[in-house]
Protein backbone atom coordinates (compact mmCIF):
# COMPACT_ATOMS: atom_id res chain seq x y z
CA MET A 1 4.56 -21.05 -4.54
CA ALA A 2 1.91 -18.71 -3.58
CA GLU A 3 -0.39 -19.66 -0.88
CA PHE A 4 -4.00 -19.58 -1.85
CA HIS A 5 -6.93 -18.42 0.63
CA LYS A 6 -10.58 -19.10 0.14
CA VAL A 7 -12.09 -15.48 -0.04
CA ALA A 8 -15.83 -16.03 -1.59
CA LYS A 9 -18.44 -18.04 -3.00
CA THR A 10 -18.74 -17.85 -6.76
CA GLY A 11 -22.50 -16.62 -6.06
CA GLU A 12 -21.39 -13.91 -3.56
CA VAL A 13 -20.05 -11.39 -5.90
CA ALA A 14 -22.55 -11.21 -9.15
CA PRO A 15 -21.13 -9.79 -12.71
CA GLY A 16 -20.17 -6.00 -12.76
CA GLU A 17 -19.81 -6.41 -8.98
CA VAL A 18 -16.67 -6.08 -6.39
CA GLY A 19 -16.62 -7.52 -3.21
CA VAL A 20 -13.84 -6.91 -0.68
CA TYR A 21 -11.93 -9.12 1.28
CA GLU A 22 -8.96 -9.31 4.09
CA VAL A 23 -6.37 -11.39 3.12
CA ASP A 24 -3.02 -11.97 5.47
CA GLY A 25 -3.54 -8.01 6.25
CA HIS A 26 -4.32 -7.11 2.70
CA ARG A 27 -7.54 -5.38 1.38
CA VAL A 28 -8.38 -7.19 -1.72
CA ALA A 29 -11.06 -6.39 -4.48
CA LEU A 30 -12.39 -9.22 -5.89
CA CYS A 31 -14.36 -8.27 -9.41
CA ASN A 32 -16.60 -9.86 -11.70
CA VAL A 33 -16.18 -9.59 -15.32
CA ASP A 34 -18.76 -11.09 -17.40
CA GLY A 35 -18.53 -14.17 -14.68
CA GLU A 36 -14.61 -14.41 -14.62
CA PHE A 37 -13.27 -13.34 -11.04
CA HIS A 38 -9.81 -10.74 -11.10
CA ALA A 39 -8.20 -9.54 -7.58
CA ILE A 40 -6.57 -6.30 -7.08
CA GLU A 41 -4.84 -4.86 -3.95
CA ASP A 42 -8.14 -2.10 -2.89
CA VAL A 43 -6.11 0.83 -2.98
CA CYS A 44 -5.52 3.65 -5.80
CA THR A 45 -1.69 4.03 -6.61
CA HIS A 46 -2.52 7.41 -7.02
CA ASP A 47 -3.97 8.97 -3.57
CA ALA A 48 -4.64 5.54 -1.86
CA GLY A 49 -8.52 5.58 -1.72
CA PRO A 50 -10.16 2.49 -1.61
CA LEU A 51 -11.23 1.15 -5.31
CA ASP A 52 -13.90 -1.23 -4.45
CA GLN A 53 -16.14 2.17 -3.94
CA GLY A 54 -15.64 3.05 -7.19
CA GLU A 55 -17.52 1.90 -10.25
CA LEU A 56 -16.82 -1.54 -12.11
CA ILE A 57 -17.63 -1.07 -15.79
CA GLY A 58 -16.68 -3.95 -17.95
CA SER A 59 -12.90 -4.56 -17.17
CA GLN A 60 -12.60 -1.25 -15.76
CA ILE A 61 -12.68 0.27 -12.20
CA LYS A 62 -12.92 3.80 -11.41
CA CYS A 63 -11.53 5.60 -8.43
CA PRO A 64 -14.06 7.42 -6.80
CA ARG A 65 -12.03 9.74 -5.55
CA HIS A 66 -10.13 11.35 -8.61
CA GLY A 67 -11.72 9.51 -11.35
CA ALA A 68 -8.51 7.38 -12.29
CA LYS A 69 -9.13 3.97 -14.08
CA PHE A 70 -7.05 0.71 -13.71
CA ASP A 71 -7.75 -2.33 -16.01
CA VAL A 72 -8.71 -4.94 -13.14
CA THR A 73 -7.29 -8.04 -15.43
CA THR A 74 -3.90 -6.66 -15.65
CA GLY A 75 -3.89 -3.69 -12.76
CA LYS A 76 -2.29 -1.12 -15.56
CA ALA A 77 -3.54 2.49 -15.02
CA LEU A 78 -5.48 3.32 -17.72
CA THR A 79 -5.90 7.12 -16.83
CA LEU A 80 -4.64 10.21 -15.05
CA PRO A 81 -3.85 11.13 -12.16
CA ALA A 82 -2.67 7.34 -11.68
CA VAL A 83 0.46 6.38 -13.38
CA LYS A 84 1.71 3.37 -11.25
CA PRO A 85 -0.50 -0.12 -11.75
CA VAL A 86 -2.42 -1.66 -8.73
CA PRO A 87 -0.90 -4.92 -8.00
CA ARG A 88 -2.86 -7.86 -8.91
CA HIS A 89 -3.32 -11.01 -6.92
CA GLU A 90 -3.67 -14.55 -8.54
CA VAL A 91 -7.19 -16.43 -8.60
CA LYS A 92 -8.47 -19.87 -9.16
CA VAL A 93 -12.00 -21.39 -8.89
CA GLU A 94 -12.94 -24.58 -7.72
CA GLY A 95 -16.52 -25.64 -7.79
CA ASP A 96 -18.33 -22.63 -6.56
CA ASP A 97 -15.31 -21.49 -3.92
CA VAL A 98 -13.07 -18.66 -5.05
CA TYR A 99 -9.45 -18.37 -4.05
CA VAL A 100 -6.70 -15.95 -3.90
CA ALA A 101 -2.80 -15.88 -3.79
CA LEU A 102 -1.55 -12.47 -2.87
CA ASN A 103 1.48 -10.87 -5.20
CA GLU A 104 4.14 -9.77 -3.28
CA ALA A 105 4.09 -6.42 -4.34
CA LYS A 106 2.62 -4.22 -2.21
CA VAL A 107 1.03 -0.29 -2.41
CA SER A 108 2.12 1.68 0.11
CA PRO A 109 -0.13 4.10 1.58
CA THR A 110 1.53 7.21 0.82
CA MET A 111 2.10 6.08 -2.99
CA GLY A 112 1.15 8.67 -5.26
CA ARG A 113 1.43 11.67 -2.83
CA ARG A 114 4.11 13.79 -3.15
CA ARG A 115 5.53 16.46 -0.56
CA ARG A 116 5.98 20.00 -1.99
CA ALA A 117 9.18 21.38 -0.74
CA ARG A 118 8.01 24.81 1.17
CA ARG A 119 9.79 28.06 0.29
């Protein structure tokens, strides 16, 4: 069973905003989509950039580096250059406390980067 960690109060992240929290060595982006909280790993699967610095519109967050978009409710990569989903984390709200349980999937710091062979 996943271990839940208290990360925030519901009033800390307003609708349409993203808060970043450290949970067991992971940077977790807590996204408020119309009053419903969703948590994803705070890293773009294309180039490992921080997603929290991008714009959250509805349920989509846009990476500020190259414009890849992800659905924060599913983690799915919606636009290039990202093709791999970002890991989602389970969220529960009890009263005005928000808890996150980490997903086992981890994003490698080099995910999405490919080395080109020298010729």
